[in-house]
Protein backbone atom coordinates (compact mmCIF):
# COMPACT_ATOMS: atom_id res chain seq x y z
CA MET A 1 -69.28 5.80 -10.37
CA LEU A 2 -66.85 5.75 -13.29
CA GLY A 3 -64.78 8.41 -11.50
CA TRP A 4 -64.52 6.19 -8.41
CA VAL A 5 -63.38 3.22 -10.52
CA MET A 6 -60.69 5.27 -12.27
CA GLY A 7 -59.56 6.75 -8.95
CA GLY A 8 -59.40 3.25 -7.46
CA ALA A 9 -57.36 1.97 -10.43
CA ILE A 10 -54.92 4.86 -10.07
CA MET A 11 -54.63 4.22 -6.32
CA LEU A 12 -54.06 0.50 -6.94
CA ALA A 13 -51.34 1.28 -9.51
CA ALA A 14 -49.70 3.68 -7.05
CA LEU A 15 -49.78 1.03 -4.32
CA VAL A 16 -48.22 -1.58 -6.63
CA PHE A 17 -45.55 0.91 -7.66
CA CYS A 18 -44.79 1.82 -4.02
CA PHE A 19 -44.76 -1.86 -3.04
CA ARG A 20 -42.18 -2.61 -5.78
CA ILE A 21 -39.97 0.27 -4.69
CA MET A 22 -40.12 -0.84 -1.06
CA ARG A 23 -39.47 -4.45 -2.00
CA ARG A 24 -36.40 -3.49 -4.04
CA GLY A 25 -35.37 -1.21 -1.24
CA MET A 26 -34.69 2.46 -1.37
CA SER A 27 -31.10 2.99 -0.54
CA THR A 28 -29.47 6.04 0.88
CA LEU A 29 -26.60 7.87 -0.74
CA ASP A 30 -24.17 6.23 1.72
CA ASP A 31 -25.45 2.78 0.76
CA ASP A 32 -24.98 3.57 -2.91
CA ARG A 33 -21.48 4.90 -2.23
CA ARG A 34 -20.56 1.72 -0.37
CA LYS A 35 -21.97 -0.43 -3.16
CA PHE A 36 -20.08 1.42 -5.88
CA LEU A 37 -16.89 1.59 -3.79
CA THR A 38 -16.94 -2.19 -3.43
CA LYS A 39 -17.43 -2.50 -7.20
CA ILE A 40 -14.44 -0.22 -7.77
CA GLN A 41 -12.32 -2.19 -5.29
CA ASP A 42 -13.34 -5.45 -6.95
CA GLY A 43 -12.36 -4.02 -10.33
CA GLU A 44 -8.98 -2.88 -8.98
CA HIS A 45 -8.38 -6.30 -7.44
CA LYS A 46 -9.24 -7.96 -10.76
CA LEU A 47 -6.87 -5.60 -12.57
CA ARG A 48 -4.04 -6.42 -10.12
CA GLU A 49 -4.65 -10.13 -10.67
CA GLU A 50 -4.64 -9.69 -14.45
CA ARG A 51 -1.36 -7.75 -14.25
CA LYS A 52 0.19 -10.77 -12.55
CA GLN A 53 -0.57 -12.81 -15.66
CA VAL A 54 1.42 -10.60 -18.07
CA PRO A 55 4.52 -12.46 -19.27
CA ALA A 56 7.96 -10.84 -19.47
CA VAL A 57 7.90 -10.79 -23.27
CA GLU A 58 4.81 -8.55 -23.24
CA HIS A 59 6.38 -6.24 -20.63
CA LEU A 60 9.42 -5.85 -22.88
CA THR A 61 7.29 -5.28 -25.97
CA LEU A 62 5.28 -2.57 -24.22
CA MET A 63 8.43 -0.89 -22.87
CA ARG A 64 10.08 -0.87 -26.28
CA ALA A 65 6.94 0.69 -27.77
CA ALA A 66 6.97 3.31 -25.00
CA VAL A 67 10.60 4.23 -25.69
CA GLU A 68 9.91 4.44 -29.42
CA ASP A 69 6.89 6.65 -28.72
CA LEU A 70 9.04 8.90 -26.53
CA LEU A 71 11.45 9.37 -29.42
CA ARG A 72 8.59 9.84 -31.88
CA LEU A 73 7.10 12.56 -29.66
CA GLU A 74 10.47 14.31 -29.75
CA ASP A 75 10.31 14.29 -33.57
CA ALA A 76 12.76 11.37 -33.91
CA PRO A 77 16.02 13.14 -33.07
CA PRO A 78 18.96 12.01 -35.23
CA GLY A 79 21.41 9.56 -33.71
CA TYR A 80 18.87 7.74 -31.52
CA ARG A 81 18.23 4.05 -32.01
CA VAL A 82 16.27 1.46 -30.00
CA GLU A 83 17.38 -2.17 -29.88
CA SER A 84 16.21 -5.27 -28.00
CA ALA A 85 18.72 -7.57 -26.36
CA GLY A 86 17.15 -10.47 -24.46
CA ARG A 87 15.46 -9.07 -21.35
CA ALA A 88 16.87 -5.61 -21.98
CA ILE A 89 16.19 -2.68 -24.24
CA LEU A 90 19.09 -0.53 -25.39
CA LEU A 91 18.59 3.10 -26.30
CA HIS A 92 21.59 4.33 -28.24
CA THR A 93 22.03 8.11 -28.07
CA PRO A 94 24.75 10.36 -29.48
CA ARG A 95 26.27 10.62 -25.96
CA GLY A 96 26.09 6.92 -25.10
CA ALA A 97 23.68 4.06 -24.44
CA TRP A 98 20.91 3.64 -21.88
CA ARG A 99 19.97 0.12 -20.79
CA LEU A 100 16.44 -0.68 -19.59
CA GLU A 101 16.47 -4.16 -18.08
CA LEU A 102 13.57 -6.24 -16.79
CA ALA A 103 13.97 -8.49 -13.76
CA MET A 104 10.97 -10.78 -13.33
CA ARG A 105 10.59 -14.36 -12.22
CA GLU A 106 8.50 -16.82 -14.14
CA ALA A 107 7.79 -20.31 -12.84
CA SER A 108 5.94 -23.07 -14.64
CA LEU A 109 3.42 -25.20 -12.73
CA LYS A 110 3.37 -28.47 -14.64
CA THR A 111 0.45 -29.97 -12.73
CA ARG A 112 -1.79 -26.96 -13.45
CA ARG A 113 -0.25 -26.12 -16.83
CA ARG A 114 0.11 -22.50 -15.80
CA VAL A 115 2.97 -20.05 -15.61
CA LEU A 116 3.31 -17.87 -12.52
CA HIS A 117 4.71 -14.41 -13.13
CA GLY A 118 6.48 -12.45 -10.42
CA ARG A 119 6.49 -8.70 -9.90
CA PRO A 120 8.34 -6.86 -12.64
CA ARG A 121 11.24 -4.61 -11.64
CA TRP A 122 12.97 -2.35 -14.08
CA PHE A 123 16.61 -1.29 -13.95
CA LEU A 124 17.80 1.83 -15.76
CA SER A 125 21.51 2.25 -16.30
CA GLY A 126 23.71 4.41 -18.44
CA MET A 127 25.77 7.60 -18.36
CA GLY A 128 26.94 6.85 -14.82
CA GLN A 129 23.38 6.34 -13.51
CA GLN A 130 21.86 3.18 -12.03
CA GLU A 131 18.26 3.15 -10.83
CA GLU A 132 15.62 0.60 -9.90
CA HIS A 133 11.92 1.18 -10.65
CA GLY A 134 8.84 -0.77 -9.59
CA ASP A 135 6.72 0.24 -12.56
CA ALA A 136 7.07 1.28 -16.17
CA ALA A 137 5.67 4.77 -15.61
CA SER A 138 8.36 5.82 -13.14
CA LEU A 139 11.03 4.31 -15.37
CA MET A 140 9.83 6.29 -18.40
CA ALA A 141 9.58 9.51 -16.39
CA SER A 142 13.12 9.04 -15.13
CA LEU A 143 14.48 8.20 -18.58
CA HIS A 144 12.80 11.26 -20.09
CA ALA A 145 14.21 13.48 -17.32
CA HIS A 146 17.72 12.07 -17.85
CA LEU A 147 17.50 12.61 -21.59
CA GLN A 148 16.39 16.21 -21.13
CA THR A 149 18.99 17.06 -18.48
CA ALA A 150 21.75 15.66 -20.66
CA GLU A 151 20.52 18.16 -23.28
CA THR A 152 20.34 15.37 -25.81
CA LEU A 153 16.64 15.87 -26.41
CA PRO A 154 15.30 19.34 -27.03
CA ALA A 155 13.35 21.00 -24.25
CA GLU A 156 9.62 21.41 -24.63
CA PRO A 157 8.58 23.15 -27.85
CA PRO A 158 7.60 26.84 -27.64
CA HIS A 159 3.95 26.08 -28.45
CA LEU A 160 3.77 23.92 -25.31
CA ALA A 161 5.81 26.34 -23.21
CA ARG A 162 3.08 28.98 -23.32
CA ARG A 163 0.70 26.49 -21.71
CA MET A 164 3.11 25.74 -18.88
CA GLY A 165 3.52 29.30 -17.65
CA ALA A 166 6.44 31.68 -17.47
CA SER A 167 8.25 29.78 -14.75
CA ARG A 168 8.41 26.61 -16.84
CA ALA A 169 8.93 28.22 -20.25
CA THR A 170 12.11 27.20 -21.98
CA PRO A 171 14.87 29.73 -22.62
CA ALA A 172 14.27 29.28 -26.36
CA ALA A 173 10.59 30.08 -25.90
CA ARG A 174 11.38 33.16 -23.80
CA ALA A 175 13.84 34.34 -26.44
CA ALA A 176 11.20 33.83 -29.12
CA GLY A 177 8.82 36.03 -27.16
CA VAL A 178 6.30 33.31 -26.33
CA ARG A 179 4.40 34.27 -23.21
CA PRO A 180 1.99 32.23 -21.11
CA ARG A 181 -1.72 32.90 -21.43
CA GLY A 182 -3.07 35.74 -19.43
CA HIS A 183 0.11 37.83 -19.70
CA ALA A 184 0.41 40.87 -21.91
């Protein structure tokens, strides 16, 4: 009799457990994907909305820090200097100056006590070049490429060249005998 009572208790617990699972709903993998995809899209939308609230001063501060980091990663080459001038950042190099300028509208709503920020656009000019960029990443990539092609910044160091492969190794690295991994 005790065995029947324990078996009944186990069956009752299993039924309660199954009932809870069914009530919560077992979802398929596609349902879970849809649920998590909507969460990701909501997060991206929230991020886009938060980016709209970044004032021009913060954009300029971040860009100046990025330019200074670029120079710091190149071991602070001599003759380079970063300077802020209003809504522009000037990068003085031994060959001339580069100007990174921010164009962004800001309007104040007095009734709501809020400031609306427009889309930031960046202008890069210097050394006979004039470019427009929609984001800071493309601006920094372009500036870095211009600085390397003008041979004002050294090419990638030999210890990084071996990671890039023989086709991307610098002439200095090839002359030093640095070879990519996997080559004898």
